[in-house]
C-alpha atoms as a PDB file:
ATOM      1  CA  MET A   1       8.561  -8.401  -6.642  1.00  0.00           C
ATOM      2  CA  GLN A   2       5.771  -9.702  -4.524  1.00  0.00           C
ATOM      3  CA  ILE A   3       3.467  -7.474  -2.513  1.00  0.00           C
ATOM      4  CA  GLU A   4       3.827  -8.078   1.166  1.00  0.00           C
ATOM      5  CA  ILE A   5       3.252  -6.129   4.450  1.00  0.00           C
ATOM      6  CA  GLY A   6       5.334  -3.053   4.241  1.00  0.00           C
ATOM      7  CA  SER A   7       5.409  -2.754   0.532  1.00  0.00           C
ATOM      8  CA  ILE A   8       5.012   0.643  -0.846  1.00  0.00           C
ATOM      9  CA  VAL A   9       2.428   0.754  -3.658  1.00  0.00           C
ATOM     10  CA  GLN A  10       0.628   2.882  -6.239  1.00  0.00           C
ATOM     11  CA  SER A  11      -2.605   2.237  -7.955  1.00  0.00           C
ATOM     12  CA  THR A  12      -4.504   3.652 -11.080  1.00  0.00           C
ATOM     13  CA  HIS A  13      -7.786   2.734  -9.382  1.00  0.00           C
ATOM     14  CA  ILE A  14     -10.242   5.550  -9.583  1.00  0.00           C
ATOM     15  CA  ALA A  15     -10.571   5.783  -5.869  1.00  0.00           C
ATOM     16  CA  VAL A  16      -6.697   6.672  -5.507  1.00  0.00           C
ATOM     17  CA  PRO A  17      -5.655  10.225  -6.316  1.00  0.00           C
ATOM     18  CA  ALA A  18      -3.031  10.506  -8.873  1.00  0.00           C
ATOM     19  CA  GLY A  19       0.368  10.596  -7.365  1.00  0.00           C
ATOM     20  CA  ALA A  20      -0.609   8.973  -3.971  1.00  0.00           C
ATOM     21  CA  LEU A  21       1.584   6.246  -2.595  1.00  0.00           C
ATOM     22  CA  GLY A  22       0.380   3.553  -0.071  1.00  0.00           C
ATOM     23  CA  ILE A  23       1.802   1.175   2.530  1.00  0.00           C
ATOM     24  CA  VAL A  24       0.304  -2.314   2.616  1.00  0.00           C
ATOM     25  CA  THR A  25      -0.514  -3.037   6.298  1.00  0.00           C
ATOM     26  CA  ARG A  26      -2.352  -6.288   6.110  1.00  0.00           C
ATOM     27  CA  ILE A  27      -2.966  -9.000   3.565  1.00  0.00           C
ATOM     28  CA  LEU A  28      -5.895 -11.359   3.701  1.00  0.00           C
ATOM     29  CA  GLY A  29      -6.239 -13.680   0.721  1.00  0.00           C
ATOM     30  CA  ASN A  30      -6.410 -11.548  -2.465  1.00  0.00           C
ATOM     31  CA  MET A  31      -6.967  -8.358  -0.555  1.00  0.00           C
ATOM     32  CA  ALA A  32      -4.563  -5.863   0.962  1.00  0.00           C
ATOM     33  CA  MET A  33      -5.338  -3.036   3.510  1.00  0.00           C
ATOM     34  CA  VAL A  34      -3.443  -0.023   2.269  1.00  0.00           C
ATOM     35  CA  THR A  35      -2.816   3.234   4.065  1.00  0.00           C
ATOM     36  CA  TRP A  36      -2.616   5.878   1.397  1.00  0.00           C
ATOM     37  CA  TYR A  37      -0.569   9.200   1.482  1.00  0.00           C
ATOM     38  CA  GLU A  38      -0.509  12.289  -0.804  1.00  0.00           C
ATOM     39  CA  GLY A  39       2.991  11.495  -1.825  1.00  0.00           C
ATOM     40  CA  GLN A  40       5.924   9.905   0.048  1.00  0.00           C
ATOM     41  CA  PRO A  41       4.615   7.850   3.078  1.00  0.00           C
ATOM     42  CA  GLY A  42       5.709   9.537   6.344  1.00  0.00           C
ATOM     43  CA  ALA A  43       6.769  12.758   4.579  1.00  0.00           C
ATOM     44  CA  SER A  44       3.140  13.801   3.360  1.00  0.00           C
ATOM     45  CA  ARG A  45      -0.326  13.916   4.576  1.00  0.00           C
ATOM     46  CA  LYS A  46      -2.178  10.665   5.341  1.00  0.00           C
ATOM     47  CA  LEU A  47      -5.378  10.223   3.220  1.00  0.00           C
ATOM     48  CA  ASN A  48      -7.250   7.143   4.348  1.00  0.00           C
ATOM     49  CA  THR A  49      -6.798   3.293   4.864  1.00  0.00           C
ATOM     50  CA  GLU A  50      -8.820   1.067   2.442  1.00  0.00           C
ATOM     51  CA  PRO A  51      -8.969  -2.519   1.380  1.00  0.00           C
ATOM     52  CA  PHE A  52      -7.898  -3.113  -2.236  1.00  0.00           C
ATOM     53  CA  PHE A  53      -7.561  -6.165  -4.398  1.00  0.00           C
ATOM     54  CA  ILE A  54      -3.861  -7.037  -4.753  1.00  0.00           C
ATOM     55  CA  GLU A  55      -4.277  -7.097  -8.507  1.00  0.00           C
ATOM     56  CA  ASP A  56      -5.195  -3.266  -8.419  1.00  0.00           C
ATOM     57  CA  LEU A  57      -1.842  -2.430  -6.819  1.00  0.00           C
ATOM     58  CA  ILE A  58       1.437  -1.628  -8.438  1.00  0.00           C
ATOM     59  CA  ASP A  59       4.528  -2.559  -6.358  1.00  0.00           C
ATOM     60  CA  THR A  60       7.088   0.305  -6.442  1.00  0.00           C
ATOM     61  CA  GLY A  61       9.854  -2.113  -5.267  1.00  0.00           C
ATOM     62  CA  GLU A  62      10.342  -0.230  -2.005  1.00  0.00           C
ATOM     63  CA  GLN A  63       9.665  -1.555   1.337  1.00  0.00           C
ATOM     64  CA  LEU A  64       8.906   0.126   4.700  1.00  0.00           C
ATOM     65  CA  PRO A  65      11.042  -1.544   7.426  1.00  0.00           C
ATOM     66  CA  SER A  66       8.798  -3.505   9.758  1.00  0.00           C
ATOM     67  CA  PRO A  67       9.806  -5.739  12.684  1.00  0.00           C
ATOM     68  CA  SER A  68       6.691  -7.870  12.221  1.00  0.00           C
ATOM     69  CA  ARG A  69       6.007  -8.781   8.613  1.00  0.00           C
ATOM     70  CA  SER A  70       3.543 -11.540   8.572  1.00  0.00           C
ATOM     71  CA  VAL A  71       0.815 -12.690   6.120  1.00  0.00           C
ATOM     72  CA  HIS A  72      -2.548 -13.389   7.657  1.00  0.00           C
END
């Protein structure tokens, strides 16, 4: 599965707390802006939004429904 806007992701990167899930909000080249949550997005506390290399992200296979999915 390919990471795109709305993908729910995980990461083993040191900057991401264990168990956190993120939503990809923007993609630019090999970087993605990810909004991180303590657990399930929308059902847990929002942590922060940070840029990450796409290669550091693990696609969970889940998508957040979004009316405007576009790659910039």
